[in-house]
């Protein structure tokens, strides 16, 4: 499925896997993250791994937790993308 602009629809961060990049469409305090191509200049973060089982990322990573969903909470450990 494609949107009107010919791009695939945005995927929410809970579906992201290691190597995916994310755009923050919210604020730093209240992020709203969507998966986008890593080559996109709007990419803010790169997912390094999921810490869903542990619920916590090591301190050297930015952490994002999306609450709820069919499988419970999703926790992603990320690094910032520098353009």
N, C-alpha and C. Protein backbone atom coordinates (compact mmCIF):
# COMPACT_ATOMS: atom_id res chain seq x y z
N UNK A 1 0.84 -1.18 0.00
CA UNK A 1 0.00 0.00 0.00
C UNK A 1 0.89 1.25 0.00
N UNK A 2 0.50 2.26 -0.76
CA UNK A 2 1.23 3.52 -0.84
C UNK A 2 0.31 4.68 -0.47
N UNK A 3 0.90 5.78 0.00
CA UNK A 3 0.13 6.97 0.29
C UNK A 3 0.02 7.80 -0.99
N UNK A 4 -0.69 8.92 -0.93
CA UNK A 4 -0.89 9.77 -2.10
C UNK A 4 0.42 10.30 -2.69
N UNK A 5 1.46 10.44 -1.85
CA UNK A 5 2.73 10.96 -2.35
C UNK A 5 3.64 9.85 -2.89
N UNK A 6 3.13 8.62 -2.96
CA UNK A 6 3.89 7.51 -3.52
C UNK A 6 4.81 6.82 -2.53
N UNK A 7 4.78 7.24 -1.27
CA UNK A 7 5.63 6.64 -0.24
C UNK A 7 4.82 5.64 0.57
N UNK A 8 5.48 4.63 1.13
CA UNK A 8 4.74 3.71 2.00
C UNK A 8 4.25 4.45 3.24
N UNK A 9 3.16 4.00 3.86
CA UNK A 9 2.66 4.68 5.06
C UNK A 9 3.67 4.57 6.20
N UNK A 10 3.65 5.57 7.08
CA UNK A 10 4.57 5.59 8.22
C UNK A 10 4.29 4.43 9.15
N UNK A 11 5.35 3.80 9.63
CA UNK A 11 5.24 2.72 10.60
C UNK A 11 5.58 3.30 11.97
N UNK A 12 4.81 2.92 12.98
CA UNK A 12 5.10 3.38 14.32
C UNK A 12 6.36 2.70 14.83
N UNK A 13 7.01 3.31 15.81
CA UNK A 13 8.29 2.83 16.32
C UNK A 13 8.22 1.42 16.88
N UNK A 14 7.08 1.00 17.40
CA UNK A 14 6.99 -0.33 18.01
C UNK A 14 7.33 -1.44 17.03
N UNK A 15 7.24 -1.18 15.72
CA UNK A 15 7.57 -2.18 14.71
C UNK A 15 9.02 -2.11 14.26
N UNK A 16 9.79 -1.16 14.80
CA UNK A 16 11.18 -0.98 14.39
C UNK A 16 12.06 -2.13 14.89
N UNK A 17 13.08 -2.43 14.11
CA UNK A 17 14.07 -3.44 14.47
C UNK A 17 15.46 -2.82 14.36
N UNK A 18 16.46 -3.52 14.86
CA UNK A 18 17.85 -3.03 14.80
C UNK A 18 18.20 -2.65 13.37
N UNK A 19 18.78 -1.46 13.20
CA UNK A 19 19.16 -0.97 11.88
C UNK A 19 18.16 0.00 11.28
N UNK A 20 16.93 0.03 11.81
CA UNK A 20 15.92 0.98 11.32
C UNK A 20 16.22 2.37 11.87
N UNK A 21 15.78 3.39 11.15
CA UNK A 21 15.92 4.76 11.61
C UNK A 21 14.54 5.33 11.93
N UNK A 22 14.53 6.30 12.83
CA UNK A 22 13.28 6.87 13.32
C UNK A 22 13.30 8.39 13.23
N UNK A 23 12.14 8.94 12.90
CA UNK A 23 11.93 10.39 12.91
C UNK A 23 11.06 10.73 14.10
N UNK A 24 11.45 11.75 14.86
CA UNK A 24 10.64 12.22 15.99
C UNK A 24 9.72 13.32 15.50
N UNK A 25 8.43 13.05 15.47
CA UNK A 25 7.44 14.05 15.05
C UNK A 25 6.79 14.73 16.24
N UNK A 26 7.29 14.42 17.42
CA UNK A 26 6.81 15.06 18.65
C UNK A 26 7.89 16.00 19.17
N UNK A 27 8.05 16.02 20.48
CA UNK A 27 9.08 16.83 21.12
C UNK A 27 10.07 15.91 21.83
N UNK A 28 11.15 16.49 22.35
CA UNK A 28 12.11 15.68 23.09
C UNK A 28 11.44 15.10 24.34
N UNK A 29 10.63 15.90 25.01
CA UNK A 29 9.95 15.45 26.24
C UNK A 29 8.80 14.49 25.95
N UNK A 30 8.18 14.61 24.80
CA UNK A 30 7.04 13.77 24.44
C UNK A 30 7.22 13.29 22.99
N UNK A 31 8.16 12.35 22.76
CA UNK A 31 8.46 11.91 21.39
C UNK A 31 7.33 11.11 20.76
N UNK A 32 7.19 11.28 19.46
CA UNK A 32 6.29 10.48 18.64
C UNK A 32 7.15 10.00 17.48
N UNK A 33 7.59 8.73 17.55
CA UNK A 33 8.57 8.23 16.61
C UNK A 33 7.96 7.34 15.53
N UNK A 34 8.46 7.53 14.30
CA UNK A 34 8.03 6.74 13.15
C UNK A 34 9.25 6.23 12.41
N UNK A 35 9.17 5.02 11.87
CA UNK A 35 10.25 4.43 11.09
C UNK A 35 10.32 5.10 9.73
N UNK A 36 11.53 5.54 9.34
CA UNK A 36 11.77 6.14 8.02
C UNK A 36 13.09 5.61 7.48
N UNK A 37 13.37 5.79 6.19
CA UNK A 37 14.66 5.34 5.64
C UNK A 37 15.82 6.08 6.31
N UNK A 38 16.91 5.37 6.56
CA UNK A 38 18.07 5.97 7.22
C UNK A 38 18.72 7.07 6.38
N UNK A 39 18.56 7.04 5.07
CA UNK A 39 19.11 8.07 4.20
C UNK A 39 18.32 9.36 4.22
N UNK A 40 17.14 9.36 4.82
CA UNK A 40 16.29 10.55 4.89
C UNK A 40 16.90 11.55 5.86
N UNK A 41 16.96 12.82 5.48
CA UNK A 41 17.53 13.85 6.34
C UNK A 41 16.70 14.10 7.59
N UNK A 42 15.48 13.59 7.64
CA UNK A 42 14.62 13.75 8.82
C UNK A 42 14.88 12.67 9.87
N UNK A 43 15.75 11.70 9.56
CA UNK A 43 16.05 10.63 10.52
C UNK A 43 16.75 11.22 11.74
N UNK A 44 16.19 10.98 12.91
CA UNK A 44 16.76 11.50 14.16
C UNK A 44 17.53 10.44 14.94
N UNK A 45 17.09 9.18 14.86
CA UNK A 45 17.67 8.10 15.64
C UNK A 45 17.83 6.85 14.80
N UNK A 46 18.81 6.02 15.19
CA UNK A 46 18.98 4.69 14.60
C UNK A 46 18.82 3.68 15.72
N UNK A 47 17.96 2.68 15.49
CA UNK A 47 17.73 1.63 16.48
C UNK A 47 18.93 0.69 16.48
N UNK A 48 19.52 0.51 17.65
CA UNK A 48 20.67 -0.38 17.77
C UNK A 48 20.20 -1.79 18.18
N UNK A 49 19.25 -1.85 19.12
CA UNK A 49 18.66 -3.13 19.51
C UNK A 49 17.43 -2.88 20.37
N UNK A 50 16.67 -3.93 20.58
CA UNK A 50 15.48 -3.87 21.43
C UNK A 50 15.85 -4.34 22.83
N UNK A 51 15.41 -3.60 23.82
CA UNK A 51 15.62 -4.00 25.21
C UNK A 51 14.28 -4.34 25.85
N UNK A 52 13.33 -4.76 25.04
CA UNK A 52 11.99 -5.04 25.54
C UNK A 52 12.03 -6.07 26.66
N UNK A 53 12.82 -7.12 26.53
CA UNK A 53 12.88 -8.17 27.56
C UNK A 53 13.45 -7.63 28.87
N UNK A 54 14.48 -6.77 28.78
CA UNK A 54 15.11 -6.21 29.97
C UNK A 54 14.39 -4.97 30.48
N UNK A 55 13.71 -4.26 29.58
CA UNK A 55 12.99 -3.05 29.93
C UNK A 55 13.87 -1.83 30.13
N UNK A 56 15.18 -1.95 29.92
CA UNK A 56 16.10 -0.84 30.15
C UNK A 56 17.27 -0.92 29.19
N UNK A 57 17.74 0.24 28.70
CA UNK A 57 18.90 0.30 27.82
C UNK A 57 20.14 0.65 28.64
N UNK A 58 21.33 0.24 28.18
CA UNK A 58 22.56 0.71 28.81
C UNK A 58 22.63 2.23 28.74
N UNK A 59 23.34 2.88 29.66
CA UNK A 59 23.34 4.35 29.73
C UNK A 59 23.89 5.06 28.51
N UNK A 60 24.69 4.39 27.68
CA UNK A 60 25.26 5.07 26.51
C UNK A 60 24.26 5.20 25.35
N UNK A 61 23.05 4.65 25.49
CA UNK A 61 22.04 4.72 24.45
C UNK A 61 20.86 5.59 24.88
N UNK A 62 20.22 6.23 23.88
CA UNK A 62 18.93 6.87 24.13
C UNK A 62 17.90 5.76 24.21
N UNK A 63 16.93 5.93 25.07
CA UNK A 63 15.91 4.90 25.28
C UNK A 63 14.53 5.44 24.92
N UNK A 64 13.76 4.62 24.25
CA UNK A 64 12.38 4.97 23.92
C UNK A 64 11.50 3.79 24.27
N UNK A 65 10.45 4.03 25.05
CA UNK A 65 9.50 2.98 25.40
C UNK A 65 8.13 3.39 24.92
N UNK A 66 7.52 2.51 24.15
CA UNK A 66 6.15 2.70 23.69
C UNK A 66 5.28 1.75 24.50
N UNK A 67 4.33 2.30 25.20
CA UNK A 67 3.51 1.52 26.12
C UNK A 67 2.29 0.91 25.43
N UNK A 68 1.89 -0.24 25.92
CA UNK A 68 0.68 -0.90 25.42
C UNK A 68 0.94 -1.72 24.18
N UNK A 69 -0.12 -2.02 23.46
CA UNK A 69 -0.01 -2.84 22.27
C UNK A 69 -0.32 -4.30 22.59
N UNK A 70 -0.43 -5.10 21.57
CA UNK A 70 -0.79 -6.51 21.74
C UNK A 70 0.26 -7.29 22.53
N UNK A 71 1.52 -6.93 22.37
CA UNK A 71 2.60 -7.65 23.04
C UNK A 71 3.16 -6.89 24.24
N UNK A 72 2.45 -5.89 24.73
CA UNK A 72 2.92 -5.11 25.87
C UNK A 72 3.81 -3.96 25.43
N UNK A 73 4.68 -3.52 26.33
CA UNK A 73 5.57 -2.39 26.06
C UNK A 73 6.70 -2.78 25.12
N UNK A 74 7.17 -1.80 24.34
CA UNK A 74 8.32 -1.97 23.47
C UNK A 74 9.38 -0.97 23.89
N UNK A 75 10.60 -1.43 24.15
CA UNK A 75 11.70 -0.55 24.53
C UNK A 75 12.81 -0.67 23.49
N UNK A 76 13.19 0.46 22.89
CA UNK A 76 14.24 0.50 21.87
C UNK A 76 15.44 1.27 22.38
N UNK A 77 16.62 0.75 22.09
CA UNK A 77 17.88 1.43 22.43
C UNK A 77 18.42 2.03 21.15
N UNK A 78 18.69 3.35 21.15
CA UNK A 78 18.98 4.07 19.93
C UNK A 78 20.19 4.97 20.09
N UNK A 79 20.75 5.38 18.96
CA UNK A 79 21.77 6.42 18.91
C UNK A 79 21.24 7.52 18.01
N UNK A 80 21.71 8.74 18.23
CA UNK A 80 21.30 9.85 17.38
C UNK A 80 21.97 9.74 16.02
N UNK A 81 21.24 10.14 14.97
CA UNK A 81 21.77 10.18 13.62
C UNK A 81 22.33 11.58 13.40
N UNK A 82 23.58 11.65 12.97
CA UNK A 82 24.21 12.94 12.69
C UNK A 82 24.33 13.10 11.19
N UNK A 83 23.73 14.15 10.67
CA UNK A 83 23.73 14.38 9.21
C UNK A 83 24.86 15.30 8.82
